[in-house]
Amino acid sequence: MPAPLRRPLVLLLNQAQQGLMRRLNAEAVARFDVTVPQLSALFQLAREDGARLTDLSAALGLDNAAVTRLAERLERKSLAERRPCPEDARTKRLHLLPLGRERAGQGLAVLSEVRKPMEQGFTEAELNTVERFLRQVIAFADLTDRG
């Protein structure tokens, strides 16, 4: 008979992820009316401004329709704008507007604020182990998604 699980890690990871996203979303919406998915797009655009929507879709792990809706919301909030791709007229690129760049910076500050209490009481070595574990889980999930 297999040994019982000492810790339901998958359930704990799921609970942690959901709780953290609720907390981050509440903070971001309350402070500057931006959701976590919108903030994720702004972070990605801050790294690669003018990204094609298909590239943004891959980077965020969203389908193309979801990224199109996300781009529409960012445009309505004057955070980004879609422009035609010079190389391919059928393709759109998403560019940050000044307010979007500002919100991305504010979002990084919120992430830093939220991270500090989570890391409190852990040594650097322990945090490195947690990070290594999470990267391994992500790699495993990525391989599973690919088939």
C-alpha atoms as a PDB file:
ATOM      1  CA  MET A   1       0.000   0.000   0.000  1.00  0.00           C
ATOM      2  CA  PRO A   2       1.421   3.426  -0.908  1.00  0.00           C
ATOM      3  CA  ALA A   3       2.396   5.696   1.945  1.00  0.00           C
ATOM      4  CA  PRO A   4      -0.139   8.439   2.646  1.00  0.00           C
ATOM      5  CA  LEU A   5       0.794  11.926   1.516  1.00  0.00           C
ATOM      6  CA  ARG A   6       2.382  13.923   4.289  1.00  0.00           C
ATOM      7  CA  ARG A   7       1.224  17.181   2.761  1.00  0.00           C
ATOM      8  CA  PRO A   8      -1.359  17.772   0.053  1.00  0.00           C
ATOM      9  CA  LEU A   9       1.102  19.981  -1.872  1.00  0.00           C
ATOM     10  CA  VAL A  10      -1.048  20.276  -4.975  1.00  0.00           C
ATOM     11  CA  LEU A  11      -3.991  21.475  -2.897  1.00  0.00           C
ATOM     12  CA  LEU A  12      -1.787  23.853  -0.910  1.00  0.00           C
ATOM     13  CA  LEU A  13      -0.295  25.293  -4.105  1.00  0.00           C
ATOM     14  CA  ASN A  14      -3.767  25.813  -5.540  1.00  0.00           C
ATOM     15  CA  GLN A  15      -5.040  27.440  -2.348  1.00  0.00           C
ATOM     16  CA  ALA A  16      -1.954  29.670  -2.132  1.00  0.00           C
ATOM     17  CA  GLN A  17      -2.225  30.738  -5.773  1.00  0.00           C
ATOM     18  CA  GLN A  18      -5.929  31.544  -5.543  1.00  0.00           C
ATOM     19  CA  GLY A  19      -5.555  33.441  -2.282  1.00  0.00           C
ATOM     20  CA  LEU A  20      -2.573  35.401  -3.523  1.00  0.00           C
ATOM     21  CA  MET A  21      -4.344  36.360  -6.760  1.00  0.00           C
ATOM     22  CA  ARG A  22      -7.414  37.532  -4.798  1.00  0.00           C
ATOM     23  CA  ARG A  23      -5.171  39.634  -2.539  1.00  0.00           C
ATOM     24  CA  LEU A  24      -3.154  41.118  -5.409  1.00  0.00           C
ATOM     25  CA  ASN A  25      -6.287  41.803  -7.444  1.00  0.00           C
ATOM     26  CA  ALA A  26      -7.983  43.564  -4.532  1.00  0.00           C
ATOM     27  CA  GLU A  27      -4.885  45.720  -3.943  1.00  0.00           C
ATOM     28  CA  ALA A  28      -4.435  46.606  -7.623  1.00  0.00           C
ATOM     29  CA  VAL A  29      -8.103  47.404  -8.231  1.00  0.00           C
ATOM     30  CA  ALA A  30      -8.395  49.470  -5.046  1.00  0.00           C
ATOM     31  CA  ARG A  31      -5.234  51.459  -5.736  1.00  0.00           C
ATOM     32  CA  PHE A  32      -5.408  52.099  -9.457  1.00  0.00           C
ATOM     33  CA  ASP A  33      -8.352  50.246 -11.041  1.00  0.00           C
ATOM     34  CA  VAL A  34      -6.242  47.584 -12.775  1.00  0.00           C
ATOM     35  CA  THR A  35      -6.795  43.829 -12.440  1.00  0.00           C
ATOM     36  CA  VAL A  36      -4.027  41.235 -12.114  1.00  0.00           C
ATOM     37  CA  PRO A  37      -4.452  40.011 -15.724  1.00  0.00           C
ATOM     38  CA  GLN A  38      -4.273  43.616 -16.945  1.00  0.00           C
ATOM     39  CA  LEU A  39      -1.211  44.213 -14.771  1.00  0.00           C
ATOM     40  CA  SER A  40       0.425  41.060 -16.144  1.00  0.00           C
ATOM     41  CA  ALA A  41      -0.075  42.398 -19.664  1.00  0.00           C
ATOM     42  CA  LEU A  42       1.369  45.772 -18.658  1.00  0.00           C
ATOM     43  CA  PHE A  43       4.430  44.056 -17.149  1.00  0.00           C
ATOM     44  CA  GLN A  44       4.931  42.080 -20.358  1.00  0.00           C
ATOM     45  CA  LEU A  45       4.544  45.205 -22.494  1.00  0.00           C
ATOM     46  CA  ALA A  46       7.017  47.070 -20.283  1.00  0.00           C
ATOM     47  CA  ARG A  47       9.527  44.338 -21.236  1.00  0.00           C
ATOM     48  CA  GLU A  48       8.446  44.115 -24.883  1.00  0.00           C
ATOM     49  CA  ASP A  49       6.479  47.166 -25.930  1.00  0.00           C
ATOM     50  CA  GLY A  50       4.706  46.710 -29.221  1.00  0.00           C
ATOM     51  CA  ALA A  51       4.275  42.970 -28.767  1.00  0.00           C
ATOM     52  CA  ARG A  52       2.101  41.165 -31.279  1.00  0.00           C
ATOM     53  CA  LEU A  53      -1.157  40.007 -29.688  1.00  0.00           C
ATOM     54  CA  THR A  54      -0.254  36.389 -30.494  1.00  0.00           C
ATOM     55  CA  ASP A  55       3.091  36.778 -28.681  1.00  0.00           C
ATOM     56  CA  LEU A  56       1.322  38.382 -25.731  1.00  0.00           C
ATOM     57  CA  SER A  57      -1.093  35.457 -25.709  1.00  0.00           C
ATOM     58  CA  ALA A  58       1.785  32.972 -25.458  1.00  0.00           C
ATOM     59  CA  ALA A  59       3.616  35.005 -22.806  1.00  0.00           C
ATOM     60  CA  LEU A  60       0.523  35.301 -20.595  1.00  0.00           C
ATOM     61  CA  GLY A  61      -0.751  31.770 -21.172  1.00  0.00           C
ATOM     62  CA  LEU A  62      -4.069  33.026 -22.538  1.00  0.00           C
ATOM     63  CA  ASP A  63      -5.906  32.172 -25.729  1.00  0.00           C
ATOM     64  CA  ASN A  64      -6.067  34.738 -28.522  1.00  0.00           C
ATOM     65  CA  ALA A  65      -9.685  35.705 -27.806  1.00  0.00           C
ATOM     66  CA  ALA A  66      -8.867  36.429 -24.152  1.00  0.00           C
ATOM     67  CA  VAL A  67      -5.917  38.616 -25.161  1.00  0.00           C
ATOM     68  CA  THR A  68      -8.110  40.510 -27.625  1.00  0.00           C
ATOM     69  CA  ARG A  69     -10.610  41.241 -24.826  1.00  0.00           C
ATOM     70  CA  LEU A  70      -7.732  42.178 -22.509  1.00  0.00           C
ATOM     71  CA  ALA A  71      -6.350  44.582 -25.140  1.00  0.00           C
ATOM     72  CA  GLU A  72      -9.802  46.168 -25.492  1.00  0.00           C
ATOM     73  CA  ARG A  73      -9.995  46.758 -21.722  1.00  0.00           C
ATOM     74  CA  LEU A  74      -6.475  48.237 -21.665  1.00  0.00           C
ATOM     75  CA  GLU A  75      -7.448  50.583 -24.506  1.00  0.00           C
ATOM     76  CA  ARG A  76     -10.672  51.662 -22.744  1.00  0.00           C
ATOM     77  CA  LYS A  77      -8.580  52.563 -19.682  1.00  0.00           C
ATOM     78  CA  SER A  78      -6.033  54.461 -21.842  1.00  0.00           C
ATOM     79  CA  LEU A  79      -3.260  52.094 -20.705  1.00  0.00           C
ATOM     80  CA  ALA A  80      -2.301  50.701 -24.130  1.00  0.00           C
ATOM     81  CA  GLU A  81      -3.298  50.905 -27.760  1.00  0.00           C
ATOM     82  CA  ARG A  82      -3.355  48.482 -30.658  1.00  0.00           C
ATOM     83  CA  ARG A  83      -1.550  49.523 -33.801  1.00  0.00           C
ATOM     84  CA  PRO A  84      -1.142  47.753 -37.129  1.00  0.00           C
ATOM     85  CA  CYS A  85       2.034  45.734 -37.523  1.00  0.00           C
ATOM     86  CA  PRO A  86       4.278  47.339 -40.183  1.00  0.00           C
ATOM     87  CA  GLU A  87       5.414  43.909 -41.420  1.00  0.00           C
ATOM     88  CA  ASP A  88       1.954  42.311 -41.597  1.00  0.00           C
ATOM     89  CA  ALA A  89      -1.226  44.372 -41.984  1.00  0.00           C
ATOM     90  CA  ARG A  90      -3.330  41.474 -40.632  1.00  0.00           C
ATOM     91  CA  THR A  91      -1.481  41.604 -37.306  1.00  0.00           C
ATOM     92  CA  LYS A  92      -1.889  44.070 -34.454  1.00  0.00           C
ATOM     93  CA  ARG A  93       0.738  45.134 -31.949  1.00  0.00           C
ATOM     94  CA  LEU A  94      -0.059  46.406 -28.464  1.00  0.00           C
ATOM     95  CA  HIS A  95       1.832  49.482 -27.273  1.00  0.00           C
ATOM     96  CA  LEU A  96       1.954  50.951 -23.781  1.00  0.00           C
ATOM     97  CA  LEU A  97       0.637  54.449 -23.289  1.00  0.00           C
ATOM     98  CA  PRO A  98       2.172  56.697 -20.604  1.00  0.00           C
ATOM     99  CA  LEU A  99      -0.529  55.807 -18.051  1.00  0.00           C
ATOM    100  CA  GLY A 100       0.059  52.098 -18.730  1.00  0.00           C
ATOM    101  CA  ARG A 101       3.781  52.486 -18.084  1.00  0.00           C
ATOM    102  CA  GLU A 102       2.970  54.319 -14.843  1.00  0.00           C
ATOM    103  CA  ARG A 103       0.557  51.570 -13.739  1.00  0.00           C
ATOM    104  CA  ALA A 104       3.169  48.897 -14.485  1.00  0.00           C
ATOM    105  CA  GLY A 105       5.602  50.664 -12.149  1.00  0.00           C
ATOM    106  CA  GLN A 106       2.943  50.998  -9.466  1.00  0.00           C
ATOM    107  CA  GLY A 107       2.120  47.314  -9.863  1.00  0.00           C
ATOM    108  CA  LEU A 108       5.739  46.344  -9.226  1.00  0.00           C
ATOM    109  CA  ALA A 109       5.613  48.331  -5.987  1.00  0.00           C
ATOM    110  CA  VAL A 110       2.462  46.445  -4.903  1.00  0.00           C
ATOM    111  CA  LEU A 111       4.132  43.099  -5.671  1.00  0.00           C
ATOM    112  CA  SER A 112       7.098  44.097  -3.544  1.00  0.00           C
ATOM    113  CA  GLU A 113       4.849  45.156  -0.656  1.00  0.00           C
ATOM    114  CA  VAL A 114       2.888  41.896  -0.767  1.00  0.00           C
ATOM    115  CA  ARG A 115       6.034  39.776  -1.085  1.00  0.00           C
ATOM    116  CA  LYS A 116       7.785  41.101   2.035  1.00  0.00           C
ATOM    117  CA  PRO A 117       5.393  39.662   4.661  1.00  0.00           C
ATOM    118  CA  MET A 118       5.239  36.342   2.777  1.00  0.00           C
ATOM    119  CA  GLU A 119       9.013  35.963   2.951  1.00  0.00           C
ATOM    120  CA  GLN A 120       9.293  37.046   6.572  1.00  0.00           C
ATOM    121  CA  GLY A 121      10.811  34.374   8.807  1.00  0.00           C
ATOM    122  CA  PHE A 122      12.488  32.470   5.966  1.00  0.00           C
ATOM    123  CA  THR A 123      16.216  32.383   5.348  1.00  0.00           C
ATOM    124  CA  GLU A 124      17.618  33.161   1.909  1.00  0.00           C
ATOM    125  CA  ALA A 125      18.477  29.462   1.529  1.00  0.00           C
ATOM    126  CA  GLU A 126      14.881  28.465   2.338  1.00  0.00           C
ATOM    127  CA  LEU A 127      13.505  30.977  -0.158  1.00  0.00           C
ATOM    128  CA  ASN A 128      15.904  29.634  -2.788  1.00  0.00           C
ATOM    129  CA  THR A 129      14.586  26.119  -2.111  1.00  0.00           C
ATOM    130  CA  VAL A 130      10.981  27.298  -2.431  1.00  0.00           C
ATOM    131  CA  GLU A 131      11.810  29.069  -5.692  1.00  0.00           C
ATOM    132  CA  ARG A 132      13.587  25.983  -7.049  1.00  0.00           C
ATOM    133  CA  PHE A 133      10.578  23.823  -6.094  1.00  0.00           C
ATOM    134  CA  LEU A 134       8.110  26.197  -7.763  1.00  0.00           C
ATOM    135  CA  ARG A 135      10.204  26.369 -10.939  1.00  0.00           C
ATOM    136  CA  GLN A 136      10.237  22.569 -11.012  1.00  0.00           C
ATOM    137  CA  VAL A 137       6.434  22.484 -10.642  1.00  0.00           C
ATOM    138  CA  ILE A 138       6.082  25.023 -13.459  1.00  0.00           C
ATOM    139  CA  ALA A 139       8.373  22.989 -15.714  1.00  0.00           C
ATOM    140  CA  PHE A 140       6.425  19.816 -14.913  1.00  0.00           C
ATOM    141  CA  ALA A 141       3.111  21.538 -15.667  1.00  0.00           C
ATOM    142  CA  ASP A 142       4.510  22.950 -18.907  1.00  0.00           C
ATOM    143  CA  LEU A 143       5.573  19.482 -20.056  1.00  0.00           C
ATOM    144  CA  THR A 144       2.154  18.111 -19.103  1.00  0.00           C
ATOM    145  CA  ASP A 145       0.407  20.859 -21.101  1.00  0.00           C
ATOM    146  CA  ARG A 146       2.462  20.005 -24.186  1.00  0.00           C
ATOM    147  CA  GLY A 147       1.252  16.499 -24.204  1.00  0.00           C
END
